[in-house]
Amino acid sequence: MALTAAGSSLRTLLLRNSANFTRNAGLNPRGVKGSALSRSAVTSGSGAILPNPPKTSFGLTRVTVVVVPFLYLGTCISKNFAAVLEEHEIFVPDDDDDD
């Protein structure tokens, strides 16, 4: 009896998850266009494997947006830290002339 109840609740959960997704172009269950869908079900109610979700790749734009600001920030931090080290004479090269 417990096995049947567990199987029935699992089936209900899977059917409910697969019924929440539409296959219309870019529409989520609320009908808002352009939002990314999050999908936890990989099969439909009949057992068919659902197609892969659409993938949006930004490529060079994403690299530029991430790398340029952090590269600039790292440069500024390094420059300021080098100035602090020189001011406190912690890491100052010697001016020895080997003539």
PDB file of N, CA and C in Angstrom:
ATOM      1  N   MET A   1       0.820  -1.186   0.000  1.00  0.00           N
ATOM      2  CA  MET A   1       0.000   0.000   0.000  1.00  0.00           C
ATOM      3  C   MET A   1       0.875   1.264   0.000  1.00  0.00           C
ATOM      4  N   ALA A   2       1.950   1.272   0.812  1.00  0.00           N
ATOM      5  CA  ALA A   2       2.824   2.437   0.893  1.00  0.00           C
ATOM      6  C   ALA A   2       3.563   2.656  -0.426  1.00  0.00           C
ATOM      7  N   LEU A   3       3.916   1.561  -1.103  1.00  0.00           N
ATOM      8  CA  LEU A   3       4.604   1.665  -2.382  1.00  0.00           C
ATOM      9  C   LEU A   3       3.710   2.304  -3.436  1.00  0.00           C
ATOM     10  N   THR A   4       2.445   1.952  -3.429  1.00  0.00           N
ATOM     11  CA  THR A   4       1.499   2.529  -4.379  1.00  0.00           C
ATOM     12  C   THR A   4       1.309   4.020  -4.121  1.00  0.00           C
ATOM     13  N   ALA A   5       1.238   4.418  -2.861  1.00  0.00           N
ATOM     14  CA  ALA A   5       1.073   5.829  -2.518  1.00  0.00           C
ATOM     15  C   ALA A   5       2.307   6.627  -2.929  1.00  0.00           C
ATOM     16  N   ALA A   6       3.489   6.045  -2.703  1.00  0.00           N
ATOM     17  CA  ALA A   6       4.720   6.733  -3.094  1.00  0.00           C
ATOM     18  C   ALA A   6       4.811   6.854  -4.608  1.00  0.00           C
ATOM     19  N   GLY A   7       4.456   5.792  -5.325  1.00  0.00           N
ATOM     20  CA  GLY A   7       4.478   5.836  -6.786  1.00  0.00           C
ATOM     21  C   GLY A   7       3.486   6.832  -7.337  1.00  0.00           C
ATOM     22  N   SER A   8       2.326   6.907  -6.731  1.00  0.00           N
ATOM     23  CA  SER A   8       1.309   7.842  -7.201  1.00  0.00           C
ATOM     24  C   SER A   8       1.722   9.284  -6.930  1.00  0.00           C
ATOM     25  N   SER A   9       2.344   9.552  -5.765  1.00  0.00           N
ATOM     26  CA  SER A   9       2.780  10.919  -5.479  1.00  0.00           C
ATOM     27  C   SER A   9       3.945  11.322  -6.384  1.00  0.00           C
ATOM     28  N   LEU A  10       4.833  10.369  -6.695  1.00  0.00           N
ATOM     29  CA  LEU A  10       5.933  10.660  -7.614  1.00  0.00           C
ATOM     30  C   LEU A  10       5.404  10.963  -9.012  1.00  0.00           C
ATOM     31  N   ARG A  11       4.439  10.192  -9.459  1.00  0.00           N
ATOM     32  CA  ARG A  11       3.847  10.422 -10.778  1.00  0.00           C
ATOM     33  C   ARG A  11       3.155  11.778 -10.834  1.00  0.00           C
ATOM     34  N   THR A  12       2.446  12.137  -9.767  1.00  0.00           N
ATOM     35  CA  THR A  12       1.783  13.437  -9.714  1.00  0.00           C
ATOM     36  C   THR A  12       2.809  14.564  -9.783  1.00  0.00           C
ATOM     37  N   LEU A  13       3.905  14.416  -9.049  1.00  0.00           N
ATOM     38  CA  LEU A  13       4.958  15.434  -9.061  1.00  0.00           C
ATOM     39  C   LEU A  13       5.557  15.592 -10.454  1.00  0.00           C
ATOM     40  N   LEU A  14       5.855  14.478 -11.109  1.00  0.00           N
ATOM     41  CA  LEU A  14       6.445  14.544 -12.447  1.00  0.00           C
ATOM     42  C   LEU A  14       5.475  15.134 -13.456  1.00  0.00           C
ATOM     43  N   LEU A  15       4.218  14.770 -13.391  1.00  0.00           N
ATOM     44  CA  LEU A  15       3.240  15.321 -14.325  1.00  0.00           C
ATOM     45  C   LEU A  15       3.023  16.804 -14.080  1.00  0.00           C
ATOM     46  N   ARG A  16       3.035  17.216 -12.821  1.00  0.00           N
ATOM     47  CA  ARG A  16       2.847  18.629 -12.513  1.00  0.00           C
ATOM     48  C   ARG A  16       4.032  19.440 -13.036  1.00  0.00           C
ATOM     49  N   ASN A  17       5.271  18.920 -12.874  1.00  0.00           N
ATOM     50  CA  ASN A  17       6.453  19.631 -13.363  1.00  0.00           C
ATOM     51  C   ASN A  17       6.468  19.716 -14.882  1.00  0.00           C
ATOM     52  N   SER A  18       6.073  18.656 -15.559  1.00  0.00           N
ATOM     53  CA  SER A  18       6.123  18.678 -17.021  1.00  0.00           C
ATOM     54  C   SER A  18       4.992  19.512 -17.605  1.00  0.00           C
ATOM     55  N   ALA A  19       3.920  19.711 -16.859  1.00  0.00           N
ATOM     56  CA  ALA A  19       2.802  20.496 -17.367  1.00  0.00           C
ATOM     57  C   ALA A  19       3.049  21.990 -17.235  1.00  0.00           C
ATOM     58  N   ASN A  20       4.063  22.403 -16.502  1.00  0.00           N
ATOM     59  CA  ASN A  20       4.319  23.821 -16.274  1.00  0.00           C
ATOM     60  C   ASN A  20       5.053  24.498 -17.418  1.00  0.00           C
ATOM     61  N   PHE A  21       5.517  23.764 -18.388  1.00  0.00           N
ATOM     62  CA  PHE A  21       6.365  24.339 -19.421  1.00  0.00           C
ATOM     63  C   PHE A  21       5.649  24.352 -20.760  1.00  0.00           C
ATOM     64  N   THR A  22       5.777  25.471 -21.457  1.00  0.00           N
ATOM     65  CA  THR A  22       5.184  25.594 -22.782  1.00  0.00           C
ATOM     66  C   THR A  22       6.283  25.479 -23.814  1.00  0.00           C
ATOM     67  N   ARG A  23       5.908  25.181 -25.029  1.00  0.00           N
ATOM     68  CA  ARG A  23       6.899  25.098 -26.098  1.00  0.00           C
ATOM     69  C   ARG A  23       6.769  26.264 -27.066  1.00  0.00           C
ATOM     70  N   ASN A  24       6.016  27.268 -26.692  1.00  0.00           N
ATOM     71  CA  ASN A  24       5.900  28.455 -27.534  1.00  0.00           C
ATOM     72  C   ASN A  24       7.225  29.195 -27.519  1.00  0.00           C
ATOM     73  N   ALA A  25       7.473  29.926 -28.565  1.00  0.00           N
ATOM     74  CA  ALA A  25       8.780  30.573 -28.734  1.00  0.00           C
ATOM     75  C   ALA A  25       9.005  31.632 -27.669  1.00  0.00           C
ATOM     76  N   GLY A  26       9.747  31.274 -26.628  1.00  0.00           N
ATOM     77  CA  GLY A  26      10.157  32.242 -25.623  1.00  0.00           C
ATOM     78  C   GLY A  26       9.117  32.606 -24.597  1.00  0.00           C
ATOM     79  N   LEU A  27       7.993  31.945 -24.550  1.00  0.00           N
ATOM     80  CA  LEU A  27       6.986  32.282 -23.557  1.00  0.00           C
ATOM     81  C   LEU A  27       7.140  31.398 -22.336  1.00  0.00           C
ATOM     82  N   ASN A  28       7.132  32.012 -21.170  1.00  0.00           N
ATOM     83  CA  ASN A  28       7.172  31.207 -19.965  1.00  0.00           C
ATOM     84  C   ASN A  28       5.732  30.932 -19.518  1.00  0.00           C
ATOM     85  N   PRO A  29       5.498  30.152 -18.470  1.00  0.00           N
ATOM     86  CA  PRO A  29       4.140  29.785 -18.088  1.00  0.00           C
ATOM     87  C   PRO A  29       3.233  30.967 -17.769  1.00  0.00           C
ATOM     88  N   ARG A  30       3.799  32.100 -17.386  1.00  0.00           N
ATOM     89  CA  ARG A  30       2.974  33.268 -17.087  1.00  0.00           C
ATOM     90  C   ARG A  30       2.677  34.092 -18.340  1.00  0.00           C
ATOM     91  N   GLY A  31       3.266  33.729 -19.468  1.00  0.00           N
ATOM     92  CA  GLY A  31       3.019  34.436 -20.715  1.00  0.00           C
ATOM     93  C   GLY A  31       3.928  35.624 -20.934  1.00  0.00           C
ATOM     94  N   VAL A  32       4.957  35.805 -20.126  1.00  0.00           N
ATOM     95  CA  VAL A  32       5.880  36.921 -20.274  1.00  0.00           C
ATOM     96  C   VAL A  32       6.955  36.523 -21.264  1.00  0.00           C
ATOM     97  N   LYS A  33       7.117  37.319 -22.304  1.00  0.00           N
ATOM     98  CA  LYS A  33       8.091  36.982 -23.341  1.00  0.00           C
ATOM     99  C   LYS A  33       9.478  37.467 -22.948  1.00  0.00           C
ATOM    100  N   GLY A  34      10.500  36.664 -23.250  1.00  0.00           N
ATOM    101  CA  GLY A  34      11.871  37.069 -23.044  1.00  0.00           C
ATOM    102  C   GLY A  34      12.495  36.557 -21.760  1.00  0.00           C
ATOM    103  N   SER A  35      11.727  36.040 -20.836  1.00  0.00           N
ATOM    104  CA  SER A  35      12.294  35.522 -19.596  1.00  0.00           C
ATOM    105  C   SER A  35      12.892  34.148 -19.841  1.00  0.00           C
ATOM    106  N   ALA A  36      13.960  33.846 -19.120  1.00  0.00           N
ATOM    107  CA  ALA A  36      14.589  32.533 -19.250  1.00  0.00           C
ATOM    108  C   ALA A  36      13.794  31.512 -18.452  1.00  0.00           C
ATOM    109  N   LEU A  37      13.577  30.338 -19.045  1.00  0.00           N
ATOM    110  CA  LEU A  37      12.863  29.276 -18.359  1.00  0.00           C
ATOM    111  C   LEU A  37      13.832  28.449 -17.533  1.00  0.00           C
ATOM    112  N   SER A  38      13.369  28.021 -16.386  1.00  0.00           N
ATOM    113  CA  SER A  38      14.117  27.090 -15.577  1.00  0.00           C
ATOM    114  C   SER A  38      13.355  25.785 -15.585  1.00  0.00           C
ATOM    115  N   ARG A  39      14.024  24.709 -15.951  1.00  0.00           N
ATOM    116  CA  ARG A  39      13.320  23.457 -16.138  1.00  0.00           C
ATOM    117  C   ARG A  39      13.983  22.355 -15.334  1.00  0.00           C
ATOM    118  N   SER A  40      13.178  21.665 -14.518  1.00  0.00           N
ATOM    119  CA  SER A  40      13.727  20.549 -13.766  1.00  0.00           C
ATOM    120  C   SER A  40      13.285  19.215 -14.362  1.00  0.00           C
ATOM    121  N   ALA A  41      12.245  19.204 -15.200  1.00  0.00           N
ATOM    122  CA  ALA A  41      11.769  17.975 -15.823  1.00  0.00           C
ATOM    123  C   ALA A  41      12.500  17.751 -17.144  1.00  0.00           C
ATOM    124  N   VAL A  42      12.864  16.519 -17.423  1.00  0.00           N
ATOM    125  CA  VAL A  42      13.544  16.212 -18.673  1.00  0.00           C
ATOM    126  C   VAL A  42      12.689  15.340 -19.582  1.00  0.00           C
ATOM    127  N   THR A  43      11.559  14.867 -19.077  1.00  0.00           N
ATOM    128  CA  THR A  43      10.651  14.062 -19.897  1.00  0.00           C
ATOM    129  C   THR A  43       9.247  14.615 -19.787  1.00  0.00           C
ATOM    130  N   SER A  44       8.460  14.388 -20.827  1.00  0.00           N
ATOM    131  CA  SER A  44       7.072  14.817 -20.809  1.00  0.00           C
ATOM    132  C   SER A  44       6.235  13.771 -20.079  1.00  0.00           C
ATOM    133  N   GLY A  45       4.945  14.023 -19.969  1.00  0.00           N
ATOM    134  CA  GLY A  45       4.059  13.090 -19.298  1.00  0.00           C
ATOM    135  C   GLY A  45       3.985  11.742 -19.975  1.00  0.00           C
ATOM    136  N   SER A  46       4.176  11.715 -21.297  1.00  0.00           N
ATOM    137  CA  SER A  46       4.117  10.450 -22.033  1.00  0.00           C
ATOM    138  C   SER A  46       5.444   9.692 -22.003  1.00  0.00           C
ATOM    139  N   GLY A  47       6.503  10.311 -21.441  1.00  0.00           N
ATOM    140  CA  GLY A  47       7.802   9.664 -21.360  1.00  0.00           C
ATOM    141  C   GLY A  47       8.783  10.125 -22.416  1.00  0.00           C
ATOM    142  N   ALA A  48       8.360  11.009 -23.322  1.00  0.00           N
ATOM    143  CA  ALA A  48       9.256  11.507 -24.361  1.00  0.00           C
ATOM    144  C   ALA A  48      10.272  12.479 -23.756  1.00  0.00           C
ATOM    145  N   ILE A  49      11.484  12.460 -24.277  1.00  0.00           N
ATOM    146  CA  ILE A  49      12.522  13.368 -23.799  1.00  0.00           C
ATOM    147  C   ILE A  49      12.274  14.748 -24.394  1.00  0.00           C
ATOM    148  N   LEU A  50      12.247  15.762 -23.527  1.00  0.00           N
ATOM    149  CA  LEU A  50      12.011  17.131 -23.977  1.00  0.00           C
ATOM    150  C   LEU A  50      13.247  17.657 -24.708  1.00  0.00           C
ATOM    151  N   PRO A  51      13.073  18.582 -25.666  1.00  0.00           N
ATOM    152  CA  PRO A  51      14.228  19.146 -26.382  1.00  0.00           C
ATOM    153  C   PRO A  51      15.054  20.028 -25.457  1.00  0.00           C
ATOM    154  N   ASN A  52      16.308  20.263 -25.848  1.00  0.00           N
ATOM    155  CA  ASN A  52      17.176  21.140 -25.070  1.00  0.00           C
ATOM    156  C   ASN A  52      16.591  22.542 -25.039  1.00  0.00           C
ATOM    157  N   PRO A  53      16.722  23.251 -23.906  1.00  0.00           N
ATOM    158  CA  PRO A  53      16.240  24.630 -23.850  1.00  0.00           C
ATOM    159  C   PRO A  53      17.124  25.525 -24.717  1.00  0.00           C
ATOM    160  N   PRO A  54      16.594  26.649 -25.190  1.00  0.00           N
ATOM    161  CA  PRO A  54      17.410  27.545 -26.025  1.00  0.00           C
ATOM    162  C   PRO A  54      18.554  28.132 -25.209  1.00  0.00           C
ATOM    163  N   LYS A  55      19.716  28.277 -25.851  1.00  0.00           N
ATOM    164  CA  LYS A  55      20.902  28.796 -25.184  1.00  0.00           C
ATOM    165  C   LYS A  55      21.259  30.149 -25.774  1.00  0.00           C
ATOM    166  N   THR A  56      21.418  31.141 -24.911  1.00  0.00           N
ATOM    167  CA  THR A  56      21.801  32.472 -25.349  1.00  0.00           C
ATOM    168  C   THR A  56      23.259  32.686 -24.995  1.00  0.00           C
ATOM    169  N   SER A  57      24.092  32.920 -25.993  1.00  0.00           N
ATOM    170  CA  SER A  57      25.510  33.121 -25.765  1.00  0.00           C
ATOM    171  C   SER A  57      25.865  34.567 -26.087  1.00  0.00           C
ATOM    172  N   PHE A  58      26.609  35.208 -25.183  1.00  0.00           N
ATOM    173  CA  PHE A  58      27.004  36.593 -25.409  1.00  0.00           C
ATOM    174  C   PHE A  58      28.447  36.713 -25.877  1.00  0.00           C
ATOM    175  N   GLY A  59      29.257  35.674 -25.733  1.00  0.00           N
ATOM    176  CA  GLY A  59      30.607  35.620 -26.255  1.00  0.00           C
ATOM    177  C   GLY A  59      31.500  36.771 -25.871  1.00  0.00           C
ATOM    178  N   LEU A  60      31.937  37.525 -26.862  1.00  0.00           N
ATOM    179  CA  LEU A  60      32.909  38.600 -26.663  1.00  0.00           C
ATOM    180  C   LEU A  60      32.357  39.713 -25.785  1.00  0.00           C
ATOM    181  N   THR A  61      31.065  39.959 -25.854  1.00  0.00           N
ATOM    182  CA  THR A  61      30.455  40.999 -25.022  1.00  0.00           C
ATOM    183  C   THR A  61      30.599  40.649 -23.547  1.00  0.00           C
ATOM    184  N   ARG A  62      30.320  39.388 -23.206  1.00  0.00           N
ATOM    185  CA  ARG A  62      30.418  38.968 -21.812  1.00  0.00           C
ATOM    186  C   ARG A  62      31.864  39.044 -21.331  1.00  0.00           C
ATOM    187  N   VAL A  63      32.802  38.636 -22.157  1.00  0.00           N
ATOM    188  CA  VAL A  63      34.219  38.698 -21.783  1.00  0.00           C
ATOM    189  C   VAL A  63      34.627  40.145 -21.535  1.00  0.00           C
ATOM    190  N   THR A  64      34.208  41.047 -22.392  1.00  0.00           N
ATOM    191  CA  THR A  64      34.558  42.457 -22.251  1.00  0.00           C
ATOM    192  C   THR A  64      33.963  43.050 -20.984  1.00  0.00           C
ATOM    193  N   VAL A  65      32.702  42.744 -20.723  1.00  0.00           N
ATOM    194  CA  VAL A  65      32.020  43.309 -19.551  1.00  0.00           C
ATOM    195  C   VAL A  65      32.648  42.800 -18.255  1.00  0.00           C
ATOM    196  N   VAL A  66      33.163  41.596 -18.251  1.00  0.00           N
ATOM    197  CA  VAL A  66      33.752  41.037 -17.036  1.00  0.00           C
ATOM    198  C   VAL A  66      35.224  41.413 -16.900  1.00  0.00           C
ATOM    199  N   VAL A  67      36.001  41.290 -17.958  1.00  0.00           N
ATOM    200  CA  VAL A  67      37.455  41.439 -17.867  1.00  0.00           C
ATOM    201  C   VAL A  67      37.883  42.894 -17.707  1.00  0.00           C
ATOM    202  N   VAL A  68      37.345  43.800 -18.491  1.00  0.00           N
ATOM    203  CA  VAL A  68      37.836  45.187 -18.503  1.00  0.00           C
ATOM    204  C   VAL A  68      37.684  45.870 -17.141  1.00  0.00           C
ATOM    205  N   PRO A  69      36.511  45.852 -16.490  1.00  0.00           N
ATOM    206  CA  PRO A  69      36.429  46.536 -15.191  1.00  0.00           C
ATOM    207  C   PRO A  69      37.331  45.913 -14.120  1.00  0.00           C
ATOM    208  N   PHE A  70      37.421  44.588 -14.084  1.00  0.00           N
ATOM    209  CA  PHE A  70      38.239  43.957 -13.056  1.00  0.00           C
ATOM    210  C   PHE A  70      39.727  44.114 -13.346  1.00  0.00           C
ATOM    211  N   LEU A  71      40.110  44.178 -14.601  1.00  0.00           N
ATOM    212  CA  LEU A  71      41.506  44.445 -14.945  1.00  0.00           C
ATOM    213  C   LEU A  71      41.887  45.860 -14.513  1.00  0.00           C
ATOM    214  N   TYR A  72      40.997  46.821 -14.751  1.00  0.00           N
ATOM    215  CA  TYR A  72      41.235  48.200 -14.326  1.00  0.00           C
ATOM    216  C   TYR A  72      41.291  48.291 -12.806  1.00  0.00           C
ATOM    217  N   LEU A  73      40.372  47.612 -12.122  1.00  0.00           N
ATOM    218  CA  LEU A  73      40.353  47.621 -10.659  1.00  0.00           C
ATOM    219  C   LEU A  73      41.635  47.011 -10.095  1.00  0.00           C
ATOM    220  N   GLY A  74      42.085  45.906 -10.657  1.00  0.00           N
ATOM    221  CA  GLY A  74      43.330  45.285 -10.207  1.00  0.00           C
ATOM    222  C   GLY A  74      44.532  46.181 -10.437  1.00  0.00           C
ATOM    223  N   THR A  75      44.543  46.899 -11.548  1.00  0.00           N
ATOM    224  CA  THR A  75      45.635  47.828 -11.834  1.00  0.00           C
ATOM    225  C   THR A  75      45.675  48.957 -10.814  1.00  0.00           C
ATOM    226  N   CYS A  76      44.520  49.499 -10.496  1.00  0.00           N
ATOM    227  CA  CYS A  76      44.457  50.592  -9.506  1.00  0.00           C
ATOM    228  C   CYS A  76      44.902  50.121  -8.126  1.00  0.00           C
ATOM    229  N   ILE A  77      44.459  48.946  -7.713  1.00  0.00           N
ATOM    230  CA  ILE A  77      44.851  48.411  -6.403  1.00  0.00           C
ATOM    231  C   ILE A  77      46.360  48.174  -6.364  1.00  0.00           C
ATOM    232  N   SER A  78      46.917  47.603  -7.416  1.00  0.00           N
ATOM    233  CA  SER A  78      48.356  47.331  -7.461  1.00  0.00           C
ATOM    234  C   SER A  78      49.168  48.620  -7.404  1.00  0.00           C
ATOM    235  N   LYS A  79      48.732  49.626  -8.139  1.00  0.00           N
ATOM    236  CA  LYS A  79      49.441  50.900  -8.158  1.00  0.00           C
ATOM    237  C   LYS A  79      49.432  51.551  -6.775  1.00  0.00           C
ATOM    238  N   ASN A  80      48.267  51.550  -6.139  1.00  0.00           N
ATOM    239  CA  ASN A  80      48.166  52.160  -4.809  1.00  0.00           C
ATOM    240  C   ASN A  80      48.963  51.378  -3.768  1.00  0.00           C
ATOM    241  N   PHE A  81      48.938  50.061  -3.839  1.00  0.00           N
ATOM    242  CA  PHE A  81      49.689  49.253  -2.888  1.00  0.00           C
ATOM    243  C   PHE A  81      51.188  49.427  -3.083  1.00  0.00           C
ATOM    244  N   ALA A  82      51.636  49.557  -4.316  1.00  0.00           N
ATOM    245  CA  ALA A  82      53.055  49.806  -4.582  1.00  0.00           C
ATOM    246  C   ALA A  82      53.479  51.167  -4.018  1.00  0.00           C
ATOM    247  N   ALA A  83      52.591  52.155  -4.118  1.00  0.00           N
ATOM    248  CA  ALA A  83      52.906  53.471  -3.554  1.00  0.00           C
ATOM    249  C   ALA A  83      53.001  53.413  -2.036  1.00  0.00           C
ATOM    250  N   VAL A  84      52.126  52.636  -1.392  1.00  0.00           N
ATOM    251  CA  VAL A  84      52.174  52.488   0.073  1.00  0.00           C
ATOM    252  C   VAL A  84      53.466  51.798   0.487  1.00  0.00           C
ATOM    253  N   LEU A  85      53.856  50.742  -0.219  1.00  0.00           N
ATOM    254  CA  LEU A  85      55.094  50.038   0.107  1.00  0.00           C
ATOM    255  C   LEU A  85      56.308  50.951  -0.038  1.00  0.00           C
ATOM    256  N   GLU A  86      56.309  51.763  -1.089  1.00  0.00           N
ATOM    257  CA  GLU A  86      57.439  52.675  -1.295  1.00  0.00           C
ATOM    258  C   GLU A  86      57.454  53.772  -0.242  1.00  0.00           C
ATOM    259  N   GLU A  87      56.291  54.255   0.155  1.00  0.00           N
ATOM    260  CA  GLU A  87      56.205  55.314   1.158  1.00  0.00           C
ATOM    261  C   GLU A  87      56.734  54.828   2.508  1.00  0.00           C
ATOM    262  N   HIS A  88      56.453  53.604   2.868  1.00  0.00           N
ATOM    263  CA  HIS A  88      56.916  53.049   4.139  1.00  0.00           C
ATOM    264  C   HIS A  88      58.279  52.359   4.011  1.00  0.00           C
ATOM    265  N   GLU A  89      58.874  52.453   2.854  1.00  0.00           N
ATOM    266  CA  GLU A  89      60.188  51.890   2.553  1.00  0.00           C
ATOM    267  C   GLU A  89      60.269  50.410   2.920  1.00  0.00           C
ATOM    268  N   ILE A  90      59.239  49.679   2.590  1.00  0.00           N
ATOM    269  CA  ILE A  90      59.198  48.251   2.872  1.00  0.00           C
ATOM    270  C   ILE A  90      59.865  47.473   1.742  1.00  0.00           C
ATOM    271  N   PHE A  91      59.580  47.838   0.540  1.00  0.00           N
ATOM    272  CA  PHE A  91      60.130  47.106  -0.594  1.00  0.00           C
ATOM    273  C   PHE A  91      60.679  48.118  -1.593  1.00  0.00           C
ATOM    274  N   VAL A  92      61.797  48.713  -1.237  1.00  0.00           N
ATOM    275  CA  VAL A  92      62.428  49.711  -2.092  1.00  0.00           C
ATOM    276  C   VAL A  92      63.760  49.140  -2.553  1.00  0.00           C
ATOM    277  N   PRO A  93      63.980  49.080  -3.855  1.00  0.00           N
ATOM    278  CA  PRO A  93      65.266  48.552  -4.327  1.00  0.00           C
ATOM    279  C   PRO A  93      66.422  49.487  -3.937  1.00  0.00           C
ATOM    280  N   ASP A  94      67.565  48.879  -3.670  1.00  0.00           N
ATOM    281  CA  ASP A  94      68.762  49.670  -3.301  1.00  0.00           C
ATOM    282  C   ASP A  94      69.318  50.345  -4.539  1.00  0.00           C
ATOM    283  N   ASP A  95      69.893  51.503  -4.306  1.00  0.00           N
ATOM    284  CA  ASP A  95      70.502  52.253  -5.410  1.00  0.00           C
ATOM    285  C   ASP A  95      72.027  52.054  -5.409  1.00  0.00           C
ATOM    286  N   ASP A  96      72.456  50.818  -5.394  1.00  0.00           N
ATOM    287  CA  ASP A  96      73.885  50.524  -5.396  1.00  0.00           C
ATOM    288  C   ASP A  96      74.440  50.663  -6.804  1.00  0.00           C
ATOM    289  N   ASP A  97      75.506  51.390  -6.891  1.00  0.00           N
ATOM    290  CA  ASP A  97      76.208  51.520  -8.170  1.00  0.00           C
ATOM    291  C   ASP A  97      77.380  50.544  -8.159  1.00  0.00           C
ATOM    292  N   ASP A  98      77.446  49.706  -9.124  1.00  0.00           N
ATOM    293  CA  ASP A  98      78.512  48.723  -9.191  1.00  0.00           C
ATOM    294  C   ASP A  98      79.596  49.152 -10.185  1.00  0.00           C
ATOM    295  N   ASP A  99      80.014  50.389 -10.116  1.00  0.00           N
ATOM    296  CA  ASP A  99      81.026  50.894 -11.066  1.00  0.00           C
ATOM    297  C   ASP A  99      82.395  50.536 -10.666  1.00  0.00           C
TER     298      ASP A  99
END
